[in-house]
Amino acid sequence: NNFYGNDRALFLAKVELCRELYQAKKIKGWSCLVTGDFFARPENLTLVKEAGCKALFSGIESFDQDTLKSYNKKQNGIVPQLEMIQ
């Protein structure tokens, strides 16, 4: 099953659902695809880990801010890409 969206309240609701399923032992864990802005909030890592997240997948689209801007990739400019991968 997949969840999509960029709304913070919806993100928290999705994580809570995964936490409930994980704690009830309905799932052994889960993983997610995140954008660069996920790492702008350090508490996100704690939230998903405590909810049973076993893996995060995130790609790097470009190191060039002008390229990101031209493709309207605002979420990838919040945390500079090099800083994110460190």
C-alpha atoms as a PDB file:
ATOM      1  CA  ASN A   1       0.000   0.000   0.000  1.00  0.00           C
ATOM      2  CA  ASN A   2       1.179   3.505  -0.761  1.00  0.00           C
ATOM      3  CA  PHE A   3       0.571   6.892   0.791  1.00  0.00           C
ATOM      4  CA  TYR A   4       1.320  10.114  -1.055  1.00  0.00           C
ATOM      5  CA  GLY A   5       1.244  13.777  -0.112  1.00  0.00           C
ATOM      6  CA  ASN A   6       3.208  16.672   1.279  1.00  0.00           C
ATOM      7  CA  ASP A   7       0.892  17.912   4.026  1.00  0.00           C
ATOM      8  CA  ARG A   8       2.465  17.819   7.510  1.00  0.00           C
ATOM      9  CA  ALA A   9      -0.757  16.799   9.292  1.00  0.00           C
ATOM     10  CA  LEU A  10      -1.314  14.008   6.778  1.00  0.00           C
ATOM     11  CA  PHE A  11       2.298  12.873   7.238  1.00  0.00           C
ATOM     12  CA  LEU A  12       1.808  12.634  11.002  1.00  0.00           C
ATOM     13  CA  ALA A  13      -1.448  10.702  10.535  1.00  0.00           C
ATOM     14  CA  LYS A  14       0.295   8.234   8.199  1.00  0.00           C
ATOM     15  CA  VAL A  15       3.130   7.715  10.668  1.00  0.00           C
ATOM     16  CA  GLU A  16       0.623   7.176  13.475  1.00  0.00           C
ATOM     17  CA  LEU A  17      -1.217   4.558  11.407  1.00  0.00           C
ATOM     18  CA  CYS A  18       2.061   2.765  10.733  1.00  0.00           C
ATOM     19  CA  ARG A  19       2.935   2.971  14.449  1.00  0.00           C
ATOM     20  CA  GLU A  20      -0.391   1.389  15.415  1.00  0.00           C
ATOM     21  CA  LEU A  21       0.042  -1.428  12.887  1.00  0.00           C
ATOM     22  CA  TYR A  22       3.636  -1.994  14.002  1.00  0.00           C
ATOM     23  CA  GLN A  23       2.841  -2.018  17.723  1.00  0.00           C
ATOM     24  CA  ALA A  24      -0.112  -4.363  17.138  1.00  0.00           C
ATOM     25  CA  LYS A  25       2.330  -6.659  15.296  1.00  0.00           C
ATOM     26  CA  LYS A  26       0.236  -6.448  12.129  1.00  0.00           C
ATOM     27  CA  ILE A  27       3.391  -5.486  10.218  1.00  0.00           C
ATOM     28  CA  LYS A  28       7.066  -6.257  10.871  1.00  0.00           C
ATOM     29  CA  GLY A  29       8.143  -2.829   9.704  1.00  0.00           C
ATOM     30  CA  TRP A  30       7.861  -0.495   6.784  1.00  0.00           C
ATOM     31  CA  SER A  31       9.956   1.780   4.591  1.00  0.00           C
ATOM     32  CA  CYS A  32       9.366   5.022   2.757  1.00  0.00           C
ATOM     33  CA  LEU A  33      10.575   7.252  -0.029  1.00  0.00           C
ATOM     34  CA  VAL A  34      11.269  10.776   1.221  1.00  0.00           C
ATOM     35  CA  THR A  35      12.330  14.053  -0.338  1.00  0.00           C
ATOM     36  CA  GLY A  36      15.152  16.248   0.909  1.00  0.00           C
ATOM     37  CA  ASP A  37      12.873  18.375   3.067  1.00  0.00           C
ATOM     38  CA  PHE A  38      12.197  15.344   5.298  1.00  0.00           C
ATOM     39  CA  PHE A  39      15.671  15.816   6.795  1.00  0.00           C
ATOM     40  CA  ALA A  40      15.054  19.499   7.585  1.00  0.00           C
ATOM     41  CA  ARG A  41      13.200  18.327  10.709  1.00  0.00           C
ATOM     42  CA  PRO A  42      15.452  16.055  12.788  1.00  0.00           C
ATOM     43  CA  GLU A  43      12.425  14.864  14.767  1.00  0.00           C
ATOM     44  CA  ASN A  44      11.153  13.123  11.625  1.00  0.00           C
ATOM     45  CA  LEU A  45      13.829  10.445  12.013  1.00  0.00           C
ATOM     46  CA  THR A  46      12.748   9.731  15.579  1.00  0.00           C
ATOM     47  CA  LEU A  47       9.058   9.672  14.633  1.00  0.00           C
ATOM     48  CA  VAL A  48       9.433   7.144  11.842  1.00  0.00           C
ATOM     49  CA  LYS A  49      11.936   4.980  13.719  1.00  0.00           C
ATOM     50  CA  GLU A  50       9.625   4.676  16.724  1.00  0.00           C
ATOM     51  CA  ALA A  51       6.773   3.831  14.341  1.00  0.00           C
ATOM     52  CA  GLY A  52       8.681   0.848  12.945  1.00  0.00           C
ATOM     53  CA  CYS A  53      10.315   2.340   9.861  1.00  0.00           C
ATOM     54  CA  LYS A  54      13.196   0.101   8.791  1.00  0.00           C
ATOM     55  CA  ALA A  55      14.496   2.016   5.749  1.00  0.00           C
ATOM     56  CA  LEU A  56      14.370   5.454   4.157  1.00  0.00           C
ATOM     57  CA  PHE A  57      15.017   6.024   0.471  1.00  0.00           C
ATOM     58  CA  SER A  58      15.930   9.452  -0.843  1.00  0.00           C
ATOM     59  CA  GLY A  59      17.481  10.489  -4.108  1.00  0.00           C
ATOM     60  CA  ILE A  60      19.603  13.411  -5.141  1.00  0.00           C
ATOM     61  CA  GLU A  61      18.201  15.160  -8.172  1.00  0.00           C
ATOM     62  CA  SER A  62      20.851  17.825  -8.647  1.00  0.00           C
ATOM     63  CA  PHE A  63      23.512  19.720  -6.739  1.00  0.00           C
ATOM     64  CA  ASP A  64      22.786  22.820  -8.802  1.00  0.00           C
ATOM     65  CA  GLN A  65      20.222  25.137  -7.189  1.00  0.00           C
ATOM     66  CA  ASP A  66      19.348  26.747 -10.537  1.00  0.00           C
ATOM     67  CA  THR A  67      18.468  23.339 -11.989  1.00  0.00           C
ATOM     68  CA  LEU A  68      16.319  22.480  -8.977  1.00  0.00           C
ATOM     69  CA  LYS A  69      14.605  25.848  -9.264  1.00  0.00           C
ATOM     70  CA  SER A  70      13.931  25.375 -12.988  1.00  0.00           C
ATOM     71  CA  TYR A  71      12.135  22.087 -12.219  1.00  0.00           C
ATOM     72  CA  ASN A  72      10.274  23.632  -9.259  1.00  0.00           C
ATOM     73  CA  LYS A  73      11.967  21.276  -6.776  1.00  0.00           C
ATOM     74  CA  LYS A  74      11.547  23.545  -3.754  1.00  0.00           C
ATOM     75  CA  GLN A  75      11.553  20.637  -1.310  1.00  0.00           C
ATOM     76  CA  ASN A  76      15.127  19.792  -2.326  1.00  0.00           C
ATOM     77  CA  GLY A  77      16.460  23.257  -1.552  1.00  0.00           C
ATOM     78  CA  ILE A  78      15.595  23.406   2.146  1.00  0.00           C
ATOM     79  CA  VAL A  79      18.494  21.216   3.228  1.00  0.00           C
ATOM     80  CA  PRO A  80      21.427  21.511   0.836  1.00  0.00           C
ATOM     81  CA  GLN A  81      21.994  18.161  -0.877  1.00  0.00           C
ATOM     82  CA  LEU A  82      25.600  17.791   0.302  1.00  0.00           C
ATOM     83  CA  GLU A  83      24.594  18.489   3.902  1.00  0.00           C
ATOM     84  CA  MET A  84      21.784  15.944   3.669  1.00  0.00           C
ATOM     85  CA  ILE A  85      24.018  13.049   2.603  1.00  0.00           C
ATOM     86  CA  GLN A  86      26.536  13.667   5.375  1.00  0.00           C
END
